Amino acid sequence: MNANQTLLDERPQDSALILVLEWITATVLLLVLAVLAWMPVADFVPTSWRPLTLEVEIVGVVGLLIAALLLVSCLALLHTRTTPHPFPSPLAGRGTGVRGTW
């Protein structure tokens, strides 16, 4: 058994929360792609055919981009937290109880 197999065996299985978060993130990213595709098309569409005002579209695009950034960041953080850390913390075992020893 090599070291890679050991790490794979020690890795916990993905929880339901991570799977749901992955689906939500994928949906938001697809919505971002759809909005980015709509932007050049909206320039050629008459104003009377647009379902929302320009201000509402801008707020929606910014909200989707912020949501995508937060979801991808949280998902990446959760994926790094589920794998075991190969190196111990440099501060582990330093609790001597003596104050002032920096």
N, C-alpha and C. Protein backbone atom coordinates (compact mmCIF):
# COMPACT_ATOMS: atom_id res chain seq x y z
N MET A 1 0.85 -1.17 0.00
CA MET A 1 0.00 0.00 0.00
C MET A 1 0.89 1.24 0.00
N ASN A 2 0.63 2.16 -0.90
CA ASN A 2 1.45 3.37 -0.96
C ASN A 2 0.80 4.50 -0.18
N ALA A 3 1.49 5.63 -0.14
CA ALA A 3 1.01 6.77 0.65
C ALA A 3 -0.27 7.36 0.09
N ASN A 4 -0.42 7.36 -1.24
CA ASN A 4 -1.64 7.91 -1.84
C ASN A 4 -2.86 7.08 -1.46
N GLN A 5 -2.71 5.78 -1.44
CA GLN A 5 -3.83 4.92 -1.07
C GLN A 5 -4.22 5.15 0.39
N THR A 6 -3.25 5.39 1.25
CA THR A 6 -3.53 5.65 2.65
C THR A 6 -4.33 6.93 2.81
N LEU A 7 -3.94 7.99 2.08
CA LEU A 7 -4.68 9.25 2.16
C LEU A 7 -6.09 9.10 1.63
N LEU A 8 -6.27 8.31 0.57
CA LEU A 8 -7.61 8.10 0.04
C LEU A 8 -8.48 7.33 1.01
N ASP A 9 -7.90 6.39 1.73
CA ASP A 9 -8.67 5.61 2.69
C ASP A 9 -9.07 6.45 3.90
N GLU A 10 -8.22 7.42 4.29
CA GLU A 10 -8.50 8.24 5.47
C GLU A 10 -9.45 9.38 5.17
N ARG A 11 -9.67 9.70 3.91
CA ARG A 11 -10.52 10.83 3.56
C ARG A 11 -11.98 10.50 3.83
N PRO A 12 -12.69 11.36 4.57
CA PRO A 12 -14.09 11.08 4.84
C PRO A 12 -14.94 11.25 3.58
N GLN A 13 -16.05 10.55 3.53
CA GLN A 13 -16.94 10.64 2.39
C GLN A 13 -17.62 12.01 2.39
N ASP A 14 -18.02 12.47 1.20
CA ASP A 14 -18.70 13.75 1.08
C ASP A 14 -20.04 13.70 1.79
N SER A 15 -20.31 14.72 2.53
CA SER A 15 -21.59 14.77 3.25
C SER A 15 -22.67 15.28 2.32
N ALA A 16 -23.90 15.16 2.76
CA ALA A 16 -25.03 15.62 1.97
C ALA A 16 -24.99 17.14 1.81
N LEU A 17 -24.48 17.83 2.82
CA LEU A 17 -24.39 19.29 2.74
C LEU A 17 -23.48 19.72 1.60
N ILE A 18 -22.35 19.06 1.45
CA ILE A 18 -21.42 19.42 0.39
C ILE A 18 -22.03 19.12 -0.98
N LEU A 19 -22.73 18.00 -1.09
CA LEU A 19 -23.36 17.67 -2.37
C LEU A 19 -24.45 18.67 -2.75
N VAL A 20 -25.25 19.07 -1.78
CA VAL A 20 -26.29 20.07 -2.05
C VAL A 20 -25.65 21.41 -2.41
N LEU A 21 -24.59 21.77 -1.69
CA LEU A 21 -23.89 23.01 -1.98
C LEU A 21 -23.26 23.00 -3.37
N GLU A 22 -22.78 21.83 -3.80
CA GLU A 22 -22.23 21.72 -5.15
C GLU A 22 -23.30 21.95 -6.21
N TRP A 23 -24.50 21.39 -5.99
CA TRP A 23 -25.60 21.58 -6.94
C TRP A 23 -26.05 23.03 -6.98
N ILE A 24 -26.14 23.66 -5.83
CA ILE A 24 -26.54 25.07 -5.79
C ILE A 24 -25.49 25.94 -6.48
N THR A 25 -24.21 25.65 -6.22
CA THR A 25 -23.14 26.41 -6.86
C THR A 25 -23.16 26.23 -8.36
N ALA A 26 -23.37 25.01 -8.82
CA ALA A 26 -23.43 24.76 -10.26
C ALA A 26 -24.60 25.51 -10.89
N THR A 27 -25.73 25.55 -10.21
CA THR A 27 -26.89 26.27 -10.73
C THR A 27 -26.62 27.77 -10.82
N VAL A 28 -26.01 28.32 -9.78
CA VAL A 28 -25.69 29.75 -9.79
C VAL A 28 -24.68 30.07 -10.88
N LEU A 29 -23.69 29.21 -11.07
CA LEU A 29 -22.70 29.45 -12.13
C LEU A 29 -23.33 29.37 -13.52
N LEU A 30 -24.28 28.46 -13.70
CA LEU A 30 -25.00 28.40 -14.98
C LEU A 30 -25.85 29.65 -15.18
N LEU A 31 -26.44 30.16 -14.12
CA LEU A 31 -27.18 31.42 -14.23
C LEU A 31 -26.26 32.58 -14.59
N VAL A 32 -25.06 32.59 -14.03
CA VAL A 32 -24.08 33.62 -14.39
C VAL A 32 -23.74 33.53 -15.88
N LEU A 33 -23.56 32.32 -16.39
CA LEU A 33 -23.29 32.17 -17.82
C LEU A 33 -24.46 32.65 -18.66
N ALA A 34 -25.68 32.35 -18.22
CA ALA A 34 -26.86 32.79 -18.96
C ALA A 34 -26.97 34.31 -18.96
N VAL A 35 -26.67 34.92 -17.83
CA VAL A 35 -26.71 36.39 -17.75
C VAL A 35 -25.64 37.01 -18.63
N LEU A 36 -24.46 36.40 -18.64
CA LEU A 36 -23.39 36.92 -19.51
C LEU A 36 -23.74 36.76 -20.98
N ALA A 37 -24.48 35.75 -21.32
CA ALA A 37 -24.93 35.58 -22.71
C ALA A 37 -26.06 36.57 -23.03
N TRP A 38 -26.86 36.91 -22.03
CA TRP A 38 -27.97 37.84 -22.24
C TRP A 38 -27.47 39.27 -22.45
N MET A 39 -26.35 39.65 -21.85
CA MET A 39 -25.88 41.04 -21.92
C MET A 39 -25.71 41.56 -23.35
N PRO A 40 -24.98 40.86 -24.23
CA PRO A 40 -24.87 41.39 -25.60
C PRO A 40 -26.19 41.31 -26.37
N VAL A 41 -27.02 40.31 -26.08
CA VAL A 41 -28.31 40.20 -26.76
C VAL A 41 -29.23 41.34 -26.34
N ALA A 42 -29.19 41.72 -25.08
CA ALA A 42 -30.07 42.76 -24.56
C ALA A 42 -29.79 44.11 -25.21
N ASP A 43 -28.60 44.28 -25.72
CA ASP A 43 -28.27 45.54 -26.38
C ASP A 43 -29.04 45.71 -27.69
N PHE A 44 -29.36 44.60 -28.35
CA PHE A 44 -30.07 44.65 -29.62
C PHE A 44 -31.58 44.51 -29.49
N VAL A 45 -32.06 44.15 -28.32
CA VAL A 45 -33.49 43.97 -28.10
C VAL A 45 -34.11 45.33 -27.79
N PRO A 46 -35.25 45.64 -28.39
CA PRO A 46 -35.92 46.91 -28.05
C PRO A 46 -36.28 46.98 -26.57
N THR A 47 -36.30 48.18 -26.06
CA THR A 47 -36.56 48.38 -24.63
C THR A 47 -37.93 47.85 -24.23
N SER A 48 -38.88 47.91 -25.11
CA SER A 48 -40.23 47.44 -24.77
C SER A 48 -40.28 45.92 -24.60
N TRP A 49 -39.31 45.21 -25.15
CA TRP A 49 -39.30 43.74 -25.05
C TRP A 49 -38.53 43.25 -23.83
N ARG A 50 -37.82 44.13 -23.17
CA ARG A 50 -37.02 43.71 -22.01
C ARG A 50 -37.93 43.50 -20.80
N PRO A 51 -37.79 42.36 -20.12
CA PRO A 51 -38.71 42.06 -19.01
C PRO A 51 -38.43 42.91 -17.76
N LEU A 52 -37.20 43.36 -17.58
CA LEU A 52 -36.84 44.12 -16.38
C LEU A 52 -36.18 45.43 -16.79
N THR A 53 -36.16 46.38 -15.87
CA THR A 53 -35.47 47.63 -16.14
C THR A 53 -33.96 47.41 -16.03
N LEU A 54 -33.22 48.37 -16.55
CA LEU A 54 -31.76 48.25 -16.54
C LEU A 54 -31.21 48.19 -15.12
N GLU A 55 -31.77 48.98 -14.22
CA GLU A 55 -31.29 49.00 -12.84
C GLU A 55 -31.50 47.66 -12.16
N VAL A 56 -32.65 47.04 -12.40
CA VAL A 56 -32.92 45.73 -11.80
C VAL A 56 -31.98 44.67 -12.38
N GLU A 57 -31.69 44.75 -13.68
CA GLU A 57 -30.75 43.82 -14.30
C GLU A 57 -29.36 43.96 -13.72
N ILE A 58 -28.93 45.20 -13.49
CA ILE A 58 -27.59 45.43 -12.92
C ILE A 58 -27.50 44.87 -11.51
N VAL A 59 -28.52 45.14 -10.69
CA VAL A 59 -28.53 44.61 -9.32
C VAL A 59 -28.54 43.08 -9.34
N GLY A 60 -29.33 42.50 -10.25
CA GLY A 60 -29.38 41.04 -10.37
C GLY A 60 -28.05 40.43 -10.78
N VAL A 61 -27.37 41.05 -11.74
CA VAL A 61 -26.07 40.55 -12.19
C VAL A 61 -25.04 40.64 -11.07
N VAL A 62 -25.00 41.77 -10.39
CA VAL A 62 -24.04 41.93 -9.29
C VAL A 62 -24.36 40.94 -8.16
N GLY A 63 -25.64 40.74 -7.87
CA GLY A 63 -26.01 39.77 -6.84
C GLY A 63 -25.62 38.35 -7.22
N LEU A 64 -25.83 37.98 -8.48
CA LEU A 64 -25.42 36.64 -8.93
C LEU A 64 -23.91 36.46 -8.87
N LEU A 65 -23.17 37.49 -9.26
CA LEU A 65 -21.70 37.38 -9.20
C LEU A 65 -21.20 37.26 -7.77
N ILE A 66 -21.79 38.02 -6.86
CA ILE A 66 -21.39 37.92 -5.45
C ILE A 66 -21.76 36.54 -4.89
N ALA A 67 -22.95 36.06 -5.22
CA ALA A 67 -23.37 34.74 -4.75
C ALA A 67 -22.46 33.65 -5.29
N ALA A 68 -22.08 33.76 -6.58
CA ALA A 68 -21.18 32.76 -7.17
C ALA A 68 -19.82 32.79 -6.49
N LEU A 69 -19.31 33.98 -6.22
CA LEU A 69 -18.01 34.09 -5.56
C LEU A 69 -18.06 33.50 -4.16
N LEU A 70 -19.08 33.80 -3.40
CA LEU A 70 -19.19 33.27 -2.04
C LEU A 70 -19.39 31.75 -2.03
N LEU A 71 -20.25 31.26 -2.93
CA LEU A 71 -20.50 29.81 -2.97
C LEU A 71 -19.26 29.03 -3.38
N VAL A 72 -18.55 29.51 -4.39
CA VAL A 72 -17.34 28.80 -4.83
C VAL A 72 -16.28 28.85 -3.73
N SER A 73 -16.16 29.98 -3.04
CA SER A 73 -15.18 30.09 -1.95
C SER A 73 -15.53 29.15 -0.80
N CYS A 74 -16.79 29.11 -0.41
CA CYS A 74 -17.21 28.21 0.68
C CYS A 74 -17.02 26.76 0.30
N LEU A 75 -17.37 26.43 -0.93
CA LEU A 75 -17.23 25.05 -1.38
C LEU A 75 -15.76 24.63 -1.42
N ALA A 76 -14.89 25.51 -1.88
CA ALA A 76 -13.46 25.19 -1.90
C ALA A 76 -12.93 25.02 -0.49
N LEU A 77 -13.37 25.87 0.43
CA LEU A 77 -12.93 25.76 1.82
C LEU A 77 -13.42 24.45 2.44
N LEU A 78 -14.65 24.07 2.16
CA LEU A 78 -15.16 22.81 2.69
C LEU A 78 -14.42 21.61 2.12
N HIS A 79 -14.04 21.69 0.86
CA HIS A 79 -13.29 20.57 0.27
C HIS A 79 -11.89 20.46 0.87
N THR A 80 -11.28 21.57 1.24
CA THR A 80 -9.96 21.48 1.87
C THR A 80 -10.08 21.02 3.31
N ARG A 81 -11.20 21.29 3.96
CA ARG A 81 -11.38 20.89 5.35
C ARG A 81 -11.71 19.41 5.48
N THR A 82 -12.18 18.76 4.43
CA THR A 82 -12.56 17.36 4.55
C THR A 82 -11.37 16.43 4.40
N THR A 83 -10.26 16.92 3.87
CA THR A 83 -9.09 16.07 3.72
C THR A 83 -8.18 16.24 4.93
N PRO A 84 -7.53 15.19 5.38
CA PRO A 84 -6.64 15.31 6.54
C PRO A 84 -5.42 16.16 6.20
N HIS A 85 -4.99 16.94 7.16
CA HIS A 85 -3.83 17.81 6.96
C HIS A 85 -2.57 17.00 7.23
N PRO A 86 -1.62 16.93 6.27
CA PRO A 86 -0.46 16.07 6.45
C PRO A 86 0.55 16.59 7.47
N PHE A 87 0.52 17.91 7.77
CA PHE A 87 1.51 18.47 8.68
C PHE A 87 0.81 18.98 9.93
N PRO A 88 1.37 18.74 11.11
CA PRO A 88 0.75 19.25 12.33
C PRO A 88 0.92 20.76 12.42
N SER A 89 0.09 21.37 13.22
CA SER A 89 0.18 22.81 13.43
C SER A 89 1.49 23.15 14.12
N PRO A 90 2.15 24.25 13.72
CA PRO A 90 3.40 24.62 14.39
C PRO A 90 3.19 25.03 15.84
N LEU A 91 1.97 25.37 16.21
CA LEU A 91 1.68 25.77 17.59
C LEU A 91 1.20 24.61 18.45
N ALA A 92 1.08 23.43 17.88
CA ALA A 92 0.59 22.28 18.64
C ALA A 92 1.60 21.88 19.70
N GLY A 93 1.14 21.67 20.90
CA GLY A 93 2.01 21.20 21.97
C GLY A 93 2.83 22.30 22.62
N ARG A 94 2.54 23.57 22.35
CA ARG A 94 3.33 24.64 22.94
C ARG A 94 2.70 25.22 24.20
N GLY A 95 1.61 24.66 24.64
CA GLY A 95 0.93 25.20 25.81
C GLY A 95 1.68 24.84 27.08
N THR A 96 2.70 25.62 27.45
CA THR A 96 3.50 25.33 28.64
C THR A 96 2.86 25.88 29.90
N GLY A 97 1.91 26.82 29.74
CA GLY A 97 1.27 27.37 30.91
C GLY A 97 2.06 28.49 31.54
N VAL A 98 3.26 28.81 31.05
CA VAL A 98 4.07 29.89 31.60
C VAL A 98 3.81 31.14 30.78
N ARG A 99 3.40 32.20 31.43
CA ARG A 99 3.11 33.43 30.71
C ARG A 99 4.39 34.22 30.46
N GLY A 100 4.38 34.93 29.33
CA GLY A 100 5.51 35.81 29.04
C GLY A 100 6.66 35.11 28.31
N THR A 101 6.52 33.86 27.96
CA THR A 101 7.62 33.19 27.23
C THR A 101 7.28 33.19 25.74
N TRP A 102 7.64 34.22 25.07
CA TRP A 102 7.40 34.32 23.64
C TRP A 102 8.65 33.98 22.97
